[in-house]
Amino acid sequence: QVQLVESGGGLVHPGGSLRLSCAASGFTISTYYMNWYRQAPGKERELVADISVAGDDINYADSVKGRFIISRDDDKNTAYLQMNSLKPEDTAVYYCNAWKFDSVVYDYWGQGTQVTVSA
């Protein structure tokens, strides 16, 4: 069974930090781009960060650049999103995504984890 399971979300004060984890099972992430998305109520899903297969190409949304760090540990079959200097605007459900195109698209999603930034 193919699964991505996010963990590490919760309630944090502005300026605080959280580390989200995305644990894969049923497949290996080593051939996939790994991506973090988020979605706030009433808004469209937004790409937050992505990391290439080799880990040598990393991109961030302008709103999180300089504050968030995406990483991957293929030996642990896990991707991470380190979130620093959190702001109330970061409040959303965060989703992990594994994606590749090899003749067809392979596109796996986690269930999401809630991040709430509030005093």
C-alpha atoms as a PDB file:
ATOM      1  CA  GLN A   1       0.000   0.000   0.000  1.00  0.00           C
ATOM      2  CA  VAL A   2       1.288   3.405  -1.019  1.00  0.00           C
ATOM      3  CA  GLN A   3       1.142   6.019   1.714  1.00  0.00           C
ATOM      4  CA  LEU A   4       2.525   9.396   2.703  1.00  0.00           C
ATOM      5  CA  VAL A   5       1.944  10.364   6.319  1.00  0.00           C
ATOM      6  CA  GLU A   6       2.630  13.876   7.581  1.00  0.00           C
ATOM      7  CA  SER A   7       3.363  14.630  11.205  1.00  0.00           C
ATOM      8  CA  GLY A   8       4.665  17.478  13.320  1.00  0.00           C
ATOM      9  CA  GLY A   9       1.872  19.989  12.959  1.00  0.00           C
ATOM     10  CA  GLY A  10       0.275  21.784  15.861  1.00  0.00           C
ATOM     11  CA  LEU A  11      -0.261  25.120  17.555  1.00  0.00           C
ATOM     12  CA  VAL A  12       2.680  27.506  17.808  1.00  0.00           C
ATOM     13  CA  HIS A  13       3.156  31.161  18.738  1.00  0.00           C
ATOM     14  CA  PRO A  14       4.237  33.708  16.137  1.00  0.00           C
ATOM     15  CA  GLY A  15       8.002  33.552  15.751  1.00  0.00           C
ATOM     16  CA  GLY A  16       8.113  29.901  16.735  1.00  0.00           C
ATOM     17  CA  SER A  17       9.257  26.861  14.795  1.00  0.00           C
ATOM     18  CA  LEU A  18       7.906  23.498  13.730  1.00  0.00           C
ATOM     19  CA  ARG A  19       9.382  20.621  11.782  1.00  0.00           C
ATOM     20  CA  LEU A  20       7.017  18.661   9.579  1.00  0.00           C
ATOM     21  CA  SER A  21       7.864  15.117   8.553  1.00  0.00           C
ATOM     22  CA  CYS A  22       6.543  13.129   5.601  1.00  0.00           C
ATOM     23  CA  ALA A  23       7.081   9.398   5.950  1.00  0.00           C
ATOM     24  CA  ALA A  24       6.570   7.279   2.837  1.00  0.00           C
ATOM     25  CA  SER A  25       5.658   3.613   2.749  1.00  0.00           C
ATOM     26  CA  GLY A  26       4.860   1.194  -0.048  1.00  0.00           C
ATOM     27  CA  PHE A  27       7.312   2.930  -2.385  1.00  0.00           C
ATOM     28  CA  THR A  28      10.684   4.643  -2.257  1.00  0.00           C
ATOM     29  CA  ILE A  29      10.884   8.404  -2.621  1.00  0.00           C
ATOM     30  CA  SER A  30      14.354   8.255  -4.179  1.00  0.00           C
ATOM     31  CA  THR A  31      13.022   8.721  -7.734  1.00  0.00           C
ATOM     32  CA  TYR A  32      10.406  11.357  -6.884  1.00  0.00           C
ATOM     33  CA  TYR A  33      10.337  15.080  -6.566  1.00  0.00           C
ATOM     34  CA  MET A  34       9.129  15.864  -3.065  1.00  0.00           C
ATOM     35  CA  ASN A  35       6.864  18.839  -2.515  1.00  0.00           C
ATOM     36  CA  TRP A  36       5.095  20.574   0.327  1.00  0.00           C
ATOM     37  CA  TYR A  37       1.782  22.312  -0.284  1.00  0.00           C
ATOM     38  CA  ARG A  38      -0.544  24.146   2.030  1.00  0.00           C
ATOM     39  CA  GLN A  39      -4.175  25.154   1.921  1.00  0.00           C
ATOM     40  CA  ALA A  40      -5.921  27.703   4.092  1.00  0.00           C
ATOM     41  CA  PRO A  41      -9.730  27.746   4.455  1.00  0.00           C
ATOM     42  CA  GLY A  42     -11.418  29.216   1.393  1.00  0.00           C
ATOM     43  CA  LYS A  43      -8.173  29.398  -0.565  1.00  0.00           C
ATOM     44  CA  GLU A  44      -6.580  27.318  -3.276  1.00  0.00           C
ATOM     45  CA  ARG A  45      -3.802  24.874  -2.583  1.00  0.00           C
ATOM     46  CA  GLU A  46      -0.413  26.591  -2.708  1.00  0.00           C
ATOM     47  CA  LEU A  47       3.001  25.111  -3.456  1.00  0.00           C
ATOM     48  CA  VAL A  48       5.295  25.988  -0.556  1.00  0.00           C
ATOM     49  CA  ALA A  49       8.542  24.220  -1.431  1.00  0.00           C
ATOM     50  CA  ASP A  50       9.931  21.543  -3.696  1.00  0.00           C
ATOM     51  CA  ILE A  51      13.125  19.523  -3.848  1.00  0.00           C
ATOM     52  CA  SER A  52      14.533  17.573  -6.776  1.00  0.00           C
ATOM     53  CA  VAL A  53      15.411  13.898  -6.830  1.00  0.00           C
ATOM     54  CA  ALA A  54      19.104  14.572  -6.209  1.00  0.00           C
ATOM     55  CA  GLY A  55      18.349  17.334  -3.719  1.00  0.00           C
ATOM     56  CA  ASP A  56      20.321  19.855  -5.769  1.00  0.00           C
ATOM     57  CA  ASP A  57      17.386  21.955  -6.970  1.00  0.00           C
ATOM     58  CA  ILE A  58      15.223  23.537  -4.291  1.00  0.00           C
ATOM     59  CA  ASN A  59      12.546  26.190  -4.652  1.00  0.00           C
ATOM     60  CA  TYR A  60      10.363  28.120  -2.230  1.00  0.00           C
ATOM     61  CA  ALA A  61       7.319  30.292  -2.461  1.00  0.00           C
ATOM     62  CA  ASP A  62       8.236  33.941  -1.969  1.00  0.00           C
ATOM     63  CA  SER A  63       6.120  34.049   1.168  1.00  0.00           C
ATOM     64  CA  VAL A  64       8.289  31.472   2.960  1.00  0.00           C
ATOM     65  CA  LYS A  65      11.722  32.004   1.419  1.00  0.00           C
ATOM     66  CA  GLY A  66      14.353  32.546   4.085  1.00  0.00           C
ATOM     67  CA  ARG A  67      12.154  31.025   6.789  1.00  0.00           C
ATOM     68  CA  PHE A  68      11.414  27.464   5.636  1.00  0.00           C
ATOM     69  CA  ILE A  69      13.834  24.694   4.676  1.00  0.00           C
ATOM     70  CA  ILE A  70      12.847  21.613   2.696  1.00  0.00           C
ATOM     71  CA  SER A  71      15.019  18.503   2.881  1.00  0.00           C
ATOM     72  CA  ARG A  72      14.925  14.807   2.149  1.00  0.00           C
ATOM     73  CA  ASP A  73      16.491  11.712   3.655  1.00  0.00           C
ATOM     74  CA  ASP A  74      16.054   8.928   1.140  1.00  0.00           C
ATOM     75  CA  ASP A  75      17.615   6.368   3.493  1.00  0.00           C
ATOM     76  CA  LYS A  76      14.765   7.071   5.901  1.00  0.00           C
ATOM     77  CA  ASN A  77      12.258   7.422   3.057  1.00  0.00           C
ATOM     78  CA  THR A  78      11.215  10.718   4.587  1.00  0.00           C
ATOM     79  CA  ALA A  79      10.972  14.360   3.569  1.00  0.00           C
ATOM     80  CA  TYR A  80      10.945  17.313   5.946  1.00  0.00           C
ATOM     81  CA  LEU A  81       9.862  20.914   6.138  1.00  0.00           C
ATOM     82  CA  GLN A  82      11.588  22.991   8.794  1.00  0.00           C
ATOM     83  CA  MET A  83       9.437  26.038   9.501  1.00  0.00           C
ATOM     84  CA  ASN A  84      11.024  28.970  11.334  1.00  0.00           C
ATOM     85  CA  SER A  85       9.852  32.465  12.237  1.00  0.00           C
ATOM     86  CA  LEU A  86       6.269  31.375  11.799  1.00  0.00           C
ATOM     87  CA  LYS A  87       3.601  33.948  11.088  1.00  0.00           C
ATOM     88  CA  PRO A  88      -0.192  33.808  11.471  1.00  0.00           C
ATOM     89  CA  GLU A  89      -0.404  33.830   7.664  1.00  0.00           C
ATOM     90  CA  ASP A  90       1.300  30.420   7.675  1.00  0.00           C
ATOM     91  CA  THR A  91      -1.772  28.862   9.278  1.00  0.00           C
ATOM     92  CA  ALA A  92      -3.003  26.115   6.956  1.00  0.00           C
ATOM     93  CA  VAL A  93      -3.223  22.396   6.409  1.00  0.00           C
ATOM     94  CA  TYR A  94       0.139  21.262   5.062  1.00  0.00           C
ATOM     95  CA  TYR A  95       0.303  18.402   2.570  1.00  0.00           C
ATOM     96  CA  CYS A  96       3.227  16.291   1.442  1.00  0.00           C
ATOM     97  CA  ASN A  97       3.378  15.277  -2.213  1.00  0.00           C
ATOM     98  CA  ALA A  98       5.581  12.844  -4.146  1.00  0.00           C
ATOM     99  CA  TRP A  99       5.610  13.382  -7.906  1.00  0.00           C
ATOM    100  CA  LYS A 100       7.302  12.061 -10.999  1.00  0.00           C
ATOM    101  CA  PHE A 101       6.657  11.791 -14.717  1.00  0.00           C
ATOM    102  CA  ASP A 102       7.821   8.550 -16.296  1.00  0.00           C
ATOM    103  CA  SER A 103       5.558   8.075 -19.333  1.00  0.00           C
ATOM    104  CA  VAL A 104       2.679   8.764 -16.952  1.00  0.00           C
ATOM    105  CA  VAL A 105       2.352  10.909 -13.851  1.00  0.00           C
ATOM    106  CA  TYR A 106       2.864   9.334 -10.449  1.00  0.00           C
ATOM    107  CA  ASP A 107       1.319  11.618  -7.865  1.00  0.00           C
ATOM    108  CA  TYR A 108       0.948  10.640  -4.209  1.00  0.00           C
ATOM    109  CA  TRP A 109      -0.484  12.767  -1.405  1.00  0.00           C
ATOM    110  CA  GLY A 110      -0.552  12.639   2.345  1.00  0.00           C
ATOM    111  CA  GLN A 111      -3.584  13.285   4.509  1.00  0.00           C
ATOM    112  CA  GLY A 112      -2.369  16.679   5.704  1.00  0.00           C
ATOM    113  CA  THR A 113      -1.349  18.087   9.059  1.00  0.00           C
ATOM    114  CA  GLN A 114      -2.753  21.248  10.628  1.00  0.00           C
ATOM    115  CA  VAL A 115      -0.408  24.119  11.439  1.00  0.00           C
ATOM    116  CA  THR A 116      -1.882  26.963  13.474  1.00  0.00           C
ATOM    117  CA  VAL A 117       0.169  30.061  14.303  1.00  0.00           C
ATOM    118  CA  SER A 118      -1.538  32.157  16.941  1.00  0.00           C
ATOM    119  CA  ALA A 119      -0.855  33.964  20.181  1.00  0.00           C
END
